[in-house]
Amino acid sequence: MNQTLKGKRVAIVAADGFEESELSSPRDALKNAGVDVDIVTPEGNDIRAWAEANWGDTYSADKALADVNESDYHALVLPGGLFNPDELRMNEDALSFVKEFFQAGKPVAAICHAPWILINAGVVDSRKMTSVASVAQDLRNAGANWVDEAVVCDNALVTSRTPKDLEAFNAKLLEELQEERHSGQHA
């Protein structure tokens, strides 16, 4: 266990249809490093994963969006999938929660389609980012500098493309979590 991460708390915000590995892999990496992790869902209900081409396991929610504050956490993780970010990018509570992390200078990690949430939160302009290829033009249209790389970090904003990049994504997330507040992180 990494002593510098002991006592840290991370929120993973997700809804039904998140890509299973994009939640389970970061969650496990964080827990293995001694980080406390809460799965936060829109209503505090359990959520069902999408596992590549079929429905996956059901995951227990720890909290509802209405019951959490950015000040409770050191970082935020946003898994992708198609259904999950499409729902969350239309949820005002989710968008406000995301913005609060940026305003506080805390790490935010988003993978695959999850940058859709960041676009709607209005936090991608002038940021270097990556995502699944189908979201690239959406990011460019929102003012981001999209690149095709396994993991990109721009002042505590960590982004990755797909589940094949999870090892790099998790490593960068843990590194950013160790560094604490980032003055370059902004909303």
N, C-alpha and C. Protein backbone atom coordinates (compact mmCIF):
# COMPACT_ATOMS: atom_id res chain seq x y z
N MET A 1 0.84 -1.18 0.00
CA MET A 1 0.00 0.00 0.00
C MET A 1 0.88 1.24 0.00
N ASN A 2 0.50 2.22 -0.78
CA ASN A 2 1.22 3.48 -0.87
C ASN A 2 0.81 4.37 0.29
N GLN A 3 1.73 4.66 1.20
CA GLN A 3 1.40 5.46 2.39
C GLN A 3 0.91 6.86 2.04
N THR A 4 1.39 7.44 0.93
CA THR A 4 0.96 8.79 0.57
C THR A 4 -0.48 8.83 0.09
N LEU A 5 -1.05 7.68 -0.24
CA LEU A 5 -2.44 7.64 -0.70
C LEU A 5 -3.41 7.17 0.37
N LYS A 6 -2.88 6.65 1.47
CA LYS A 6 -3.74 6.18 2.56
C LYS A 6 -4.54 7.37 3.10
N GLY A 7 -5.84 7.16 3.24
CA GLY A 7 -6.72 8.21 3.73
C GLY A 7 -7.31 9.08 2.64
N LYS A 8 -6.88 8.90 1.40
CA LYS A 8 -7.46 9.64 0.28
C LYS A 8 -8.81 9.03 -0.07
N ARG A 9 -9.69 9.86 -0.61
CA ARG A 9 -11.02 9.40 -1.02
C ARG A 9 -11.26 9.82 -2.47
N VAL A 10 -11.81 8.91 -3.24
CA VAL A 10 -12.10 9.18 -4.65
C VAL A 10 -13.55 8.80 -4.93
N ALA A 11 -14.23 9.65 -5.68
CA ALA A 11 -15.58 9.37 -6.14
C ALA A 11 -15.52 8.86 -7.57
N ILE A 12 -16.23 7.78 -7.83
CA ILE A 12 -16.44 7.30 -9.20
C ILE A 12 -17.92 7.54 -9.50
N VAL A 13 -18.20 8.42 -10.44
CA VAL A 13 -19.59 8.73 -10.77
C VAL A 13 -19.99 7.95 -12.02
N ALA A 14 -21.08 7.20 -11.89
CA ALA A 14 -21.53 6.36 -13.00
C ALA A 14 -23.04 6.15 -12.93
N ALA A 15 -23.58 5.76 -14.08
CA ALA A 15 -24.99 5.41 -14.22
C ALA A 15 -25.07 4.09 -14.97
N ASP A 16 -26.26 3.54 -15.12
CA ASP A 16 -26.42 2.29 -15.87
C ASP A 16 -25.74 2.40 -17.23
N GLY A 17 -25.09 1.31 -17.63
CA GLY A 17 -24.49 1.25 -18.95
C GLY A 17 -23.06 1.73 -19.00
N PHE A 18 -22.39 1.86 -17.84
CA PHE A 18 -20.97 2.19 -17.85
C PHE A 18 -20.20 0.98 -18.36
N GLU A 19 -19.05 1.21 -19.00
CA GLU A 19 -18.21 0.10 -19.45
C GLU A 19 -17.58 -0.53 -18.21
N GLU A 20 -17.87 -1.80 -17.97
CA GLU A 20 -17.52 -2.45 -16.71
C GLU A 20 -16.04 -2.32 -16.34
N SER A 21 -15.14 -2.59 -17.26
CA SER A 21 -13.72 -2.54 -16.94
C SER A 21 -13.26 -1.12 -16.62
N GLU A 22 -13.96 -0.12 -17.15
CA GLU A 22 -13.56 1.27 -16.94
C GLU A 22 -13.98 1.79 -15.57
N LEU A 23 -14.79 1.03 -14.86
CA LEU A 23 -15.08 1.31 -13.45
C LEU A 23 -14.31 0.36 -12.56
N SER A 24 -14.36 -0.93 -12.87
CA SER A 24 -13.75 -1.91 -11.96
C SER A 24 -12.23 -1.81 -11.90
N SER A 25 -11.58 -1.55 -13.02
CA SER A 25 -10.12 -1.48 -13.03
C SER A 25 -9.58 -0.28 -12.24
N PRO A 26 -10.07 0.95 -12.49
CA PRO A 26 -9.61 2.07 -11.67
C PRO A 26 -9.97 1.90 -10.18
N ARG A 27 -11.17 1.40 -9.92
CA ARG A 27 -11.59 1.18 -8.52
C ARG A 27 -10.61 0.23 -7.84
N ASP A 28 -10.28 -0.88 -8.49
CA ASP A 28 -9.38 -1.85 -7.89
C ASP A 28 -7.97 -1.28 -7.71
N ALA A 29 -7.49 -0.53 -8.70
CA ALA A 29 -6.16 0.08 -8.60
C ALA A 29 -6.11 1.06 -7.43
N LEU A 30 -7.17 1.85 -7.28
CA LEU A 30 -7.23 2.80 -6.18
C LEU A 30 -7.28 2.08 -4.83
N LYS A 31 -8.15 1.09 -4.72
CA LYS A 31 -8.26 0.35 -3.45
C LYS A 31 -6.95 -0.35 -3.10
N ASN A 32 -6.29 -0.92 -4.10
CA ASN A 32 -5.01 -1.60 -3.86
C ASN A 32 -3.94 -0.62 -3.38
N ALA A 33 -4.10 0.67 -3.69
CA ALA A 33 -3.16 1.70 -3.25
C ALA A 33 -3.57 2.30 -1.91
N GLY A 34 -4.64 1.78 -1.31
CA GLY A 34 -5.07 2.27 0.00
C GLY A 34 -6.06 3.41 -0.03
N VAL A 35 -6.64 3.68 -1.20
CA VAL A 35 -7.59 4.78 -1.37
C VAL A 35 -9.00 4.29 -1.07
N ASP A 36 -9.78 5.11 -0.38
CA ASP A 36 -11.20 4.82 -0.16
C ASP A 36 -11.96 5.28 -1.40
N VAL A 37 -12.85 4.43 -1.91
CA VAL A 37 -13.56 4.71 -3.16
C VAL A 37 -15.06 4.61 -2.91
N ASP A 38 -15.79 5.62 -3.37
CA ASP A 38 -17.26 5.58 -3.36
C ASP A 38 -17.76 5.56 -4.79
N ILE A 39 -18.70 4.66 -5.05
CA ILE A 39 -19.42 4.69 -6.31
C ILE A 39 -20.64 5.56 -6.09
N VAL A 40 -20.70 6.65 -6.84
CA VAL A 40 -21.75 7.65 -6.71
C VAL A 40 -22.64 7.56 -7.95
N THR A 41 -23.94 7.41 -7.74
CA THR A 41 -24.88 7.29 -8.85
C THR A 41 -25.92 8.41 -8.75
N PRO A 42 -26.63 8.68 -9.84
CA PRO A 42 -27.58 9.79 -9.83
C PRO A 42 -28.57 9.75 -8.66
N GLU A 43 -29.14 8.60 -8.39
CA GLU A 43 -30.15 8.50 -7.33
C GLU A 43 -29.70 7.66 -6.14
N GLY A 44 -28.46 7.17 -6.16
CA GLY A 44 -27.98 6.30 -5.09
C GLY A 44 -28.41 4.85 -5.27
N ASN A 45 -28.95 4.54 -6.44
CA ASN A 45 -29.38 3.17 -6.74
C ASN A 45 -28.22 2.38 -7.33
N ASP A 46 -28.28 1.07 -7.19
CA ASP A 46 -27.29 0.20 -7.81
C ASP A 46 -27.35 0.40 -9.33
N ILE A 47 -26.23 0.14 -9.98
CA ILE A 47 -26.15 0.35 -11.43
C ILE A 47 -25.63 -0.91 -12.11
N ARG A 48 -26.02 -1.06 -13.36
CA ARG A 48 -25.63 -2.25 -14.12
C ARG A 48 -24.62 -1.88 -15.19
N ALA A 49 -23.58 -2.70 -15.27
CA ALA A 49 -22.49 -2.47 -16.21
C ALA A 49 -22.85 -2.95 -17.61
N TRP A 50 -22.16 -2.40 -18.57
CA TRP A 50 -22.12 -2.92 -19.93
C TRP A 50 -20.74 -3.52 -20.08
N ALA A 51 -20.66 -4.78 -20.47
CA ALA A 51 -19.38 -5.48 -20.57
C ALA A 51 -19.10 -5.81 -22.03
N GLU A 52 -18.56 -4.86 -22.75
CA GLU A 52 -18.18 -4.94 -24.15
C GLU A 52 -19.37 -5.06 -25.08
N ALA A 53 -20.12 -6.16 -25.04
CA ALA A 53 -21.22 -6.34 -25.99
C ALA A 53 -22.52 -6.79 -25.33
N ASN A 54 -22.51 -6.93 -24.01
CA ASN A 54 -23.69 -7.40 -23.29
C ASN A 54 -23.76 -6.75 -21.92
N TRP A 55 -24.90 -6.86 -21.28
CA TRP A 55 -25.02 -6.36 -19.92
C TRP A 55 -24.11 -7.15 -19.01
N GLY A 56 -23.49 -6.46 -18.08
CA GLY A 56 -22.56 -7.07 -17.14
C GLY A 56 -23.15 -7.14 -15.75
N ASP A 57 -22.27 -7.06 -14.76
CA ASP A 57 -22.66 -7.18 -13.36
C ASP A 57 -23.37 -5.92 -12.87
N THR A 58 -24.05 -6.08 -11.74
CA THR A 58 -24.65 -4.96 -11.04
C THR A 58 -23.69 -4.52 -9.94
N TYR A 59 -23.50 -3.21 -9.82
CA TYR A 59 -22.59 -2.64 -8.83
C TYR A 59 -23.39 -1.85 -7.80
N SER A 60 -23.04 -2.01 -6.56
CA SER A 60 -23.71 -1.31 -5.47
C SER A 60 -23.26 0.14 -5.42
N ALA A 61 -24.22 1.00 -5.24
CA ALA A 61 -23.91 2.43 -5.07
C ALA A 61 -23.60 2.69 -3.61
N ASP A 62 -22.65 3.58 -3.39
CA ASP A 62 -22.32 4.00 -2.03
C ASP A 62 -23.05 5.28 -1.66
N LYS A 63 -23.28 6.13 -2.65
CA LYS A 63 -23.89 7.44 -2.39
C LYS A 63 -24.70 7.89 -3.61
N ALA A 64 -25.59 8.84 -3.36
CA ALA A 64 -26.32 9.52 -4.43
C ALA A 64 -25.65 10.87 -4.68
N LEU A 65 -25.74 11.36 -5.91
CA LEU A 65 -25.15 12.66 -6.24
C LEU A 65 -25.62 13.76 -5.29
N ALA A 66 -26.87 13.72 -4.90
CA ALA A 66 -27.42 14.76 -4.02
C ALA A 66 -26.78 14.74 -2.63
N ASP A 67 -26.13 13.64 -2.28
CA ASP A 67 -25.58 13.47 -0.93
C ASP A 67 -24.07 13.64 -0.86
N VAL A 68 -23.43 14.10 -1.94
CA VAL A 68 -21.97 14.23 -1.94
C VAL A 68 -21.56 15.67 -2.28
N ASN A 69 -20.38 15.99 -1.83
CA ASN A 69 -19.77 17.29 -2.14
C ASN A 69 -18.35 17.03 -2.60
N GLU A 70 -17.85 17.88 -3.47
CA GLU A 70 -16.46 17.78 -3.92
C GLU A 70 -15.50 17.76 -2.74
N SER A 71 -15.82 18.51 -1.67
CA SER A 71 -14.94 18.61 -0.51
C SER A 71 -14.77 17.27 0.22
N ASP A 72 -15.62 16.30 -0.07
CA ASP A 72 -15.51 14.97 0.54
C ASP A 72 -14.44 14.11 -0.13
N TYR A 73 -13.92 14.56 -1.28
CA TYR A 73 -13.05 13.71 -2.10
C TYR A 73 -11.78 14.44 -2.54
N HIS A 74 -10.79 13.62 -2.88
CA HIS A 74 -9.51 14.13 -3.39
C HIS A 74 -9.44 14.08 -4.91
N ALA A 75 -10.29 13.26 -5.55
CA ALA A 75 -10.29 13.12 -7.01
C ALA A 75 -11.62 12.54 -7.47
N LEU A 76 -11.83 12.62 -8.79
CA LEU A 76 -13.05 12.13 -9.42
C LEU A 76 -12.68 11.26 -10.62
N VAL A 77 -13.38 10.13 -10.77
CA VAL A 77 -13.19 9.24 -11.91
C VAL A 77 -14.53 9.12 -12.65
N LEU A 78 -14.47 9.23 -13.98
CA LEU A 78 -15.65 9.11 -14.83
C LEU A 78 -15.42 7.99 -15.84
N PRO A 79 -16.02 6.80 -15.60
CA PRO A 79 -15.91 5.72 -16.58
C PRO A 79 -16.75 6.03 -17.81
N GLY A 80 -16.39 5.37 -18.91
CA GLY A 80 -17.11 5.59 -20.15
C GLY A 80 -18.19 4.56 -20.40
N GLY A 81 -18.25 4.08 -21.62
CA GLY A 81 -19.38 3.31 -22.11
C GLY A 81 -20.24 4.29 -22.89
N LEU A 82 -21.23 3.81 -23.58
CA LEU A 82 -22.11 4.70 -24.34
C LEU A 82 -23.25 5.28 -23.51
N PHE A 83 -23.94 4.43 -22.78
CA PHE A 83 -25.16 4.84 -22.10
C PHE A 83 -24.87 5.75 -20.90
N ASN A 84 -23.87 5.38 -20.10
CA ASN A 84 -23.52 6.08 -18.88
C ASN A 84 -23.22 7.56 -19.11
N PRO A 85 -22.22 7.91 -19.96
CA PRO A 85 -21.93 9.33 -20.12
C PRO A 85 -23.05 10.09 -20.83
N ASP A 86 -23.81 9.39 -21.68
CA ASP A 86 -24.91 10.06 -22.35
C ASP A 86 -25.96 10.49 -21.33
N GLU A 87 -26.21 9.66 -20.32
CA GLU A 87 -27.14 10.05 -19.25
C GLU A 87 -26.55 11.14 -18.37
N LEU A 88 -25.31 10.96 -17.95
CA LEU A 88 -24.72 11.90 -17.00
C LEU A 88 -24.49 13.29 -17.59
N ARG A 89 -24.26 13.39 -18.89
CA ARG A 89 -24.03 14.71 -19.48
C ARG A 89 -25.30 15.56 -19.52
N MET A 90 -26.44 14.94 -19.25
CA MET A 90 -27.70 15.67 -19.19
C MET A 90 -28.18 15.85 -17.74
N ASN A 91 -27.39 15.42 -16.77
CA ASN A 91 -27.76 15.47 -15.36
C ASN A 91 -27.08 16.67 -14.71
N GLU A 92 -27.85 17.67 -14.32
CA GLU A 92 -27.30 18.91 -13.76
C GLU A 92 -26.51 18.66 -12.48
N ASP A 93 -26.94 17.72 -11.65
CA ASP A 93 -26.19 17.41 -10.43
C ASP A 93 -24.81 16.85 -10.77
N ALA A 94 -24.75 15.99 -11.78
CA ALA A 94 -23.46 15.42 -12.20
C ALA A 94 -22.56 16.51 -12.76
N LEU A 95 -23.12 17.39 -13.58
CA LEU A 95 -22.32 18.45 -14.19
C LEU A 95 -21.79 19.42 -13.13
N SER A 96 -22.61 19.75 -12.16
CA SER A 96 -22.17 20.63 -11.08
C SER A 96 -21.06 19.97 -10.26
N PHE A 97 -21.23 18.70 -9.97
CA PHE A 97 -20.22 17.96 -9.19
C PHE A 97 -18.88 17.96 -9.93
N VAL A 98 -18.92 17.70 -11.23
CA VAL A 98 -17.70 17.71 -12.05
C VAL A 98 -17.04 19.09 -12.00
N LYS A 99 -17.81 20.14 -12.22
CA LYS A 99 -17.26 21.50 -12.23
C LYS A 99 -16.58 21.83 -10.91
N GLU A 100 -17.15 21.37 -9.81
CA GLU A 100 -16.58 21.66 -8.49
C GLU A 100 -15.16 21.10 -8.36
N PHE A 101 -14.89 19.94 -8.94
CA PHE A 101 -13.54 19.37 -8.89
C PHE A 101 -12.56 20.24 -9.66
N PHE A 102 -12.98 20.73 -10.80
CA PHE A 102 -12.13 21.61 -11.59
C PHE A 102 -11.87 22.92 -10.84
N GLN A 103 -12.91 23.49 -10.27
CA GLN A 103 -12.76 24.75 -9.54
C GLN A 103 -11.84 24.59 -8.33
N ALA A 104 -11.83 23.40 -7.72
CA ALA A 104 -11.00 23.14 -6.55
C ALA A 104 -9.58 22.70 -6.92
N GLY A 105 -9.30 22.52 -8.20
CA GLY A 105 -7.97 22.11 -8.64
C GLY A 105 -7.65 20.66 -8.35
N LYS A 106 -8.67 19.82 -8.29
CA LYS A 106 -8.48 18.40 -7.96
C LYS A 106 -8.43 17.55 -9.22
N PRO A 107 -7.74 16.42 -9.16
CA PRO A 107 -7.66 15.53 -10.32
C PRO A 107 -9.03 14.99 -10.75
N VAL A 108 -9.21 14.95 -12.06
CA VAL A 108 -10.39 14.35 -12.69
C VAL A 108 -9.87 13.42 -13.77
N ALA A 109 -10.37 12.18 -13.78
CA ALA A 109 -9.95 11.19 -14.77
C ALA A 109 -11.17 10.69 -15.53
N ALA A 110 -11.10 10.76 -16.87
CA ALA A 110 -12.22 10.36 -17.72
C ALA A 110 -11.71 9.49 -18.86
N ILE A 111 -12.43 8.42 -19.16
CA ILE A 111 -11.98 7.48 -20.18
C ILE A 111 -13.11 7.21 -21.18
N CYS A 112 -12.72 6.93 -22.41
CA CYS A 112 -13.62 6.49 -23.47
C CYS A 112 -14.60 7.59 -23.86
N HIS A 113 -15.90 7.40 -23.64
CA HIS A 113 -16.93 8.38 -23.96
C HIS A 113 -17.17 9.37 -22.82
N ALA A 114 -16.55 9.18 -21.66
CA ALA A 114 -16.79 10.06 -20.51
C ALA A 114 -16.47 11.53 -20.77
N PRO A 115 -15.55 11.89 -21.69
CA PRO A 115 -15.36 13.31 -21.96
C PRO A 115 -16.63 14.04 -22.43
N TRP A 116 -17.64 13.31 -22.88
CA TRP A 116 -18.92 13.95 -23.17
C TRP A 116 -19.42 14.72 -21.94
N ILE A 117 -19.24 14.12 -20.77
CA ILE A 117 -19.68 14.77 -19.53
C ILE A 117 -18.89 16.06 -19.34
N LEU A 118 -17.59 16.01 -19.59
CA LEU A 118 -16.73 17.18 -19.42
C LEU A 118 -17.10 18.29 -20.40
N ILE A 119 -17.48 17.90 -21.62
CA ILE A 119 -17.91 18.89 -22.61
C ILE A 119 -19.12 19.64 -22.07
N ASN A 120 -20.13 18.91 -21.61
CA ASN A 120 -21.35 19.54 -21.12
C ASN A 120 -21.11 20.33 -19.84
N ALA A 121 -20.08 19.96 -19.08
CA ALA A 121 -19.73 20.71 -17.87
C ALA A 121 -18.96 21.99 -18.21
N GLY A 122 -18.55 22.12 -19.46
CA GLY A 122 -17.88 23.33 -19.91
C GLY A 122 -16.44 23.46 -19.43
N VAL A 123 -15.72 22.33 -19.34
CA VAL A 123 -14.37 22.36 -18.76
C VAL A 123 -13.28 21.88 -19.72
N VAL A 124 -13.56 21.78 -21.01
CA VAL A 124 -12.57 21.22 -21.93
C VAL A 124 -11.87 22.25 -22.82
N ASP A 125 -12.34 23.47 -22.86
CA ASP A 125 -11.76 24.46 -23.76
C ASP A 125 -10.27 24.65 -23.49
N SER A 126 -9.49 24.55 -24.56
CA SER A 126 -8.02 24.73 -24.53
C SER A 126 -7.28 23.63 -23.78
N ARG A 127 -7.94 22.52 -23.49
CA ARG A 127 -7.28 21.42 -22.79
C ARG A 127 -6.80 20.39 -23.80
N LYS A 128 -5.61 19.81 -23.55
CA LYS A 128 -5.12 18.68 -24.33
C LYS A 128 -5.77 17.42 -23.76
N MET A 129 -6.44 16.64 -24.64
CA MET A 129 -7.22 15.50 -24.18
C MET A 129 -7.19 14.38 -25.22
N THR A 130 -7.59 13.19 -24.76
CA THR A 130 -7.86 12.09 -25.65
C THR A 130 -9.19 11.47 -25.24
N SER A 131 -9.66 10.53 -26.05
CA SER A 131 -10.94 9.85 -25.81
C SER A 131 -11.04 8.73 -26.83
N VAL A 132 -12.13 8.00 -26.79
CA VAL A 132 -12.43 7.08 -27.87
C VAL A 132 -12.55 7.93 -29.14
N ALA A 133 -12.15 7.39 -30.27
CA ALA A 133 -12.08 8.17 -31.51
C ALA A 133 -13.40 8.83 -31.89
N SER A 134 -14.52 8.20 -31.58
CA SER A 134 -15.82 8.77 -31.98
C SER A 134 -16.18 10.05 -31.23
N VAL A 135 -15.48 10.36 -30.16
CA VAL A 135 -15.73 11.58 -29.39
C VAL A 135 -14.74 12.69 -29.76
N ALA A 136 -13.75 12.36 -30.59
CA ALA A 136 -12.70 13.32 -30.94
C ALA A 136 -13.26 14.62 -31.51
N GLN A 137 -14.17 14.52 -32.47
CA GLN A 137 -14.70 15.74 -33.09
C GLN A 137 -15.53 16.55 -32.10
N ASP A 138 -16.26 15.88 -31.22
CA ASP A 138 -17.02 16.59 -30.18
C ASP A 138 -16.08 17.41 -29.31
N LEU A 139 -14.94 16.82 -28.93
CA LEU A 139 -13.96 17.54 -28.11
C LEU A 139 -13.37 18.71 -28.88
N ARG A 140 -13.01 18.49 -30.14
CA ARG A 140 -12.47 19.59 -30.95
C ARG A 140 -13.49 20.73 -31.06
N ASN A 141 -14.75 20.37 -31.29
CA ASN A 141 -15.81 21.39 -31.42
C ASN A 141 -15.99 22.18 -30.12
N ALA A 142 -15.66 21.55 -28.98
CA ALA A 142 -15.78 22.21 -27.68
C ALA A 142 -14.51 22.97 -27.31
N GLY A 143 -13.51 22.96 -28.20
CA GLY A 143 -12.30 23.74 -27.97
C GLY A 143 -11.11 22.98 -27.43
N ALA A 144 -11.24 21.67 -27.28
CA ALA A 144 -10.12 20.87 -26.78
C ALA A 144 -9.13 20.56 -27.90
N ASN A 145 -7.91 20.29 -27.52
CA ASN A 145 -6.88 19.82 -28.44
C ASN A 145 -6.82 18.31 -28.31
N TRP A 146 -7.52 17.59 -29.20
CA TRP A 146 -7.62 16.14 -29.11
C TRP A 146 -6.38 15.49 -29.74
N VAL A 147 -5.81 14.50 -29.04
CA VAL A 147 -4.69 13.72 -29.55
C VAL A 147 -5.00 12.24 -29.38
N ASP A 148 -4.41 11.43 -30.23
CA ASP A 148 -4.61 9.98 -30.19
C ASP A 148 -3.45 9.35 -29.42
N GLU A 149 -3.58 9.34 -28.09
CA GLU A 149 -2.56 8.77 -27.21
C GLU A 149 -3.24 7.93 -26.14
N ALA A 150 -2.50 6.99 -25.57
CA ALA A 150 -3.07 6.08 -24.56
C ALA A 150 -3.57 6.83 -23.34
N VAL A 151 -2.79 7.78 -22.88
CA VAL A 151 -3.19 8.59 -21.73
C VAL A 151 -2.63 9.99 -21.93
N VAL A 152 -3.44 10.99 -21.57
CA VAL A 152 -3.04 12.39 -21.66
C VAL A 152 -3.35 13.02 -20.31
N CYS A 153 -2.41 13.81 -19.81
CA CYS A 153 -2.65 14.55 -18.58
C CYS A 153 -2.39 16.02 -18.84
N ASP A 154 -3.39 16.83 -18.59
CA ASP A 154 -3.29 18.28 -18.75
C ASP A 154 -3.70 18.91 -17.42
N ASN A 155 -2.72 19.26 -16.60
CA ASN A 155 -2.99 19.90 -15.31
C ASN A 155 -4.06 19.18 -14.51
N ALA A 156 -3.82 17.93 -14.21
CA ALA A 156 -4.68 17.09 -13.36
C ALA A 156 -5.92 16.55 -14.06
N LEU A 157 -6.09 16.84 -15.34
CA LEU A 157 -7.16 16.22 -16.12
C LEU A 157 -6.54 15.05 -16.87
N VAL A 158 -6.91 13.84 -16.46
CA VAL A 158 -6.38 12.61 -17.04
C VAL A 158 -7.44 12.03 -17.97
N THR A 159 -7.06 11.77 -19.23
CA THR A 159 -7.99 11.15 -20.16
C THR A 159 -7.32 9.99 -20.88
N SER A 160 -8.13 8.99 -21.23
CA SER A 160 -7.66 7.83 -21.99
C SER A 160 -8.72 7.44 -23.00
N ARG A 161 -8.30 6.56 -23.93
CA ARG A 161 -9.16 6.22 -25.06
C ARG A 161 -10.15 5.08 -24.77
N THR A 162 -9.63 3.92 -24.41
CA THR A 162 -10.46 2.71 -24.32
C THR A 162 -9.93 1.79 -23.22
N PRO A 163 -10.62 0.68 -22.95
CA PRO A 163 -10.14 -0.25 -21.93
C PRO A 163 -8.71 -0.74 -22.15
N LYS A 164 -8.25 -0.79 -23.40
CA LYS A 164 -6.87 -1.26 -23.62
C LYS A 164 -5.84 -0.31 -23.01
N ASP A 165 -6.26 0.91 -22.66
CA ASP A 165 -5.37 1.91 -22.07
C ASP A 165 -5.49 1.98 -20.54
N LEU A 166 -6.22 1.07 -19.93
CA LEU A 166 -6.49 1.17 -18.50
C LEU A 166 -5.23 1.13 -17.63
N GLU A 167 -4.24 0.37 -18.00
CA GLU A 167 -3.03 0.32 -17.18
C GLU A 167 -2.38 1.71 -17.11
N ALA A 168 -2.24 2.38 -18.23
CA ALA A 168 -1.66 3.72 -18.27
C ALA A 168 -2.58 4.72 -17.57
N PHE A 169 -3.88 4.59 -17.78
CA PHE A 169 -4.87 5.47 -17.15
C PHE A 169 -4.78 5.37 -15.63
N ASN A 170 -4.78 4.15 -15.12
CA ASN A 170 -4.72 3.94 -13.67
C ASN A 170 -3.43 4.48 -13.08
N ALA A 171 -2.32 4.24 -13.75
CA ALA A 171 -1.02 4.71 -13.25
C ALA A 171 -1.00 6.24 -13.17
N LYS A 172 -1.50 6.90 -14.20
CA LYS A 172 -1.51 8.37 -14.21
C LYS A 172 -2.48 8.92 -13.17
N LEU A 173 -3.62 8.27 -13.00
CA LEU A 173 -4.58 8.68 -11.97
C LEU A 173 -3.92 8.63 -10.59
N LEU A 174 -3.24 7.54 -10.28
CA LEU A 174 -2.57 7.40 -8.98
C LEU A 174 -1.49 8.46 -8.81
N GLU A 175 -0.75 8.73 -9.86
CA GLU A 175 0.29 9.76 -9.80
C GLU A 175 -0.31 11.13 -9.51
N GLU A 176 -1.38 11.48 -10.21
CA GLU A 176 -2.03 12.78 -10.00
C GLU A 176 -2.63 12.88 -8.61
N LEU A 177 -3.16 11.80 -8.10
CA LEU A 177 -3.74 11.78 -6.76
C LEU A 177 -2.67 12.05 -5.70
N GLN A 178 -1.47 11.56 -5.92
CA GLN A 178 -0.36 11.81 -5.00
C GLN A 178 0.04 13.28 -4.99
N GLU A 179 -0.09 13.94 -6.12
CA GLU A 179 0.37 15.32 -6.25
C GLU A 179 -0.56 16.34 -5.60
N GLU A 180 -1.76 15.92 -5.23
CA GLU A 180 -2.72 16.80 -4.56
C GLU A 180 -3.26 17.89 -5.48
N ARG A 181 -3.43 19.10 -4.92
CA ARG A 181 -4.06 20.22 -5.64
C ARG A 181 -3.18 20.69 -6.80
N HIS A 182 -3.83 21.01 -7.90
CA HIS A 182 -3.14 21.47 -9.10
C HIS A 182 -3.62 22.87 -9.45
N SER A 183 -2.72 23.82 -9.41
CA SER A 183 -3.11 25.20 -9.68
C SER A 183 -3.53 25.39 -11.14
N GLY A 184 -3.05 24.51 -12.04
CA GLY A 184 -3.43 24.63 -13.44
C GLY A 184 -4.78 24.06 -13.77
N GLN A 185 -5.37 23.31 -12.85
CA GLN A 185 -6.71 22.75 -13.07
C GLN A 185 -7.72 23.89 -12.93
N HIS A 186 -8.62 24.01 -13.88
CA HIS A 186 -9.55 25.12 -13.85
C HIS A 186 -10.85 24.76 -14.54
N ALA A 187 -11.89 25.48 -14.17
CA ALA A 187 -13.19 25.26 -14.81
C ALA A 187 -13.38 26.24 -15.94
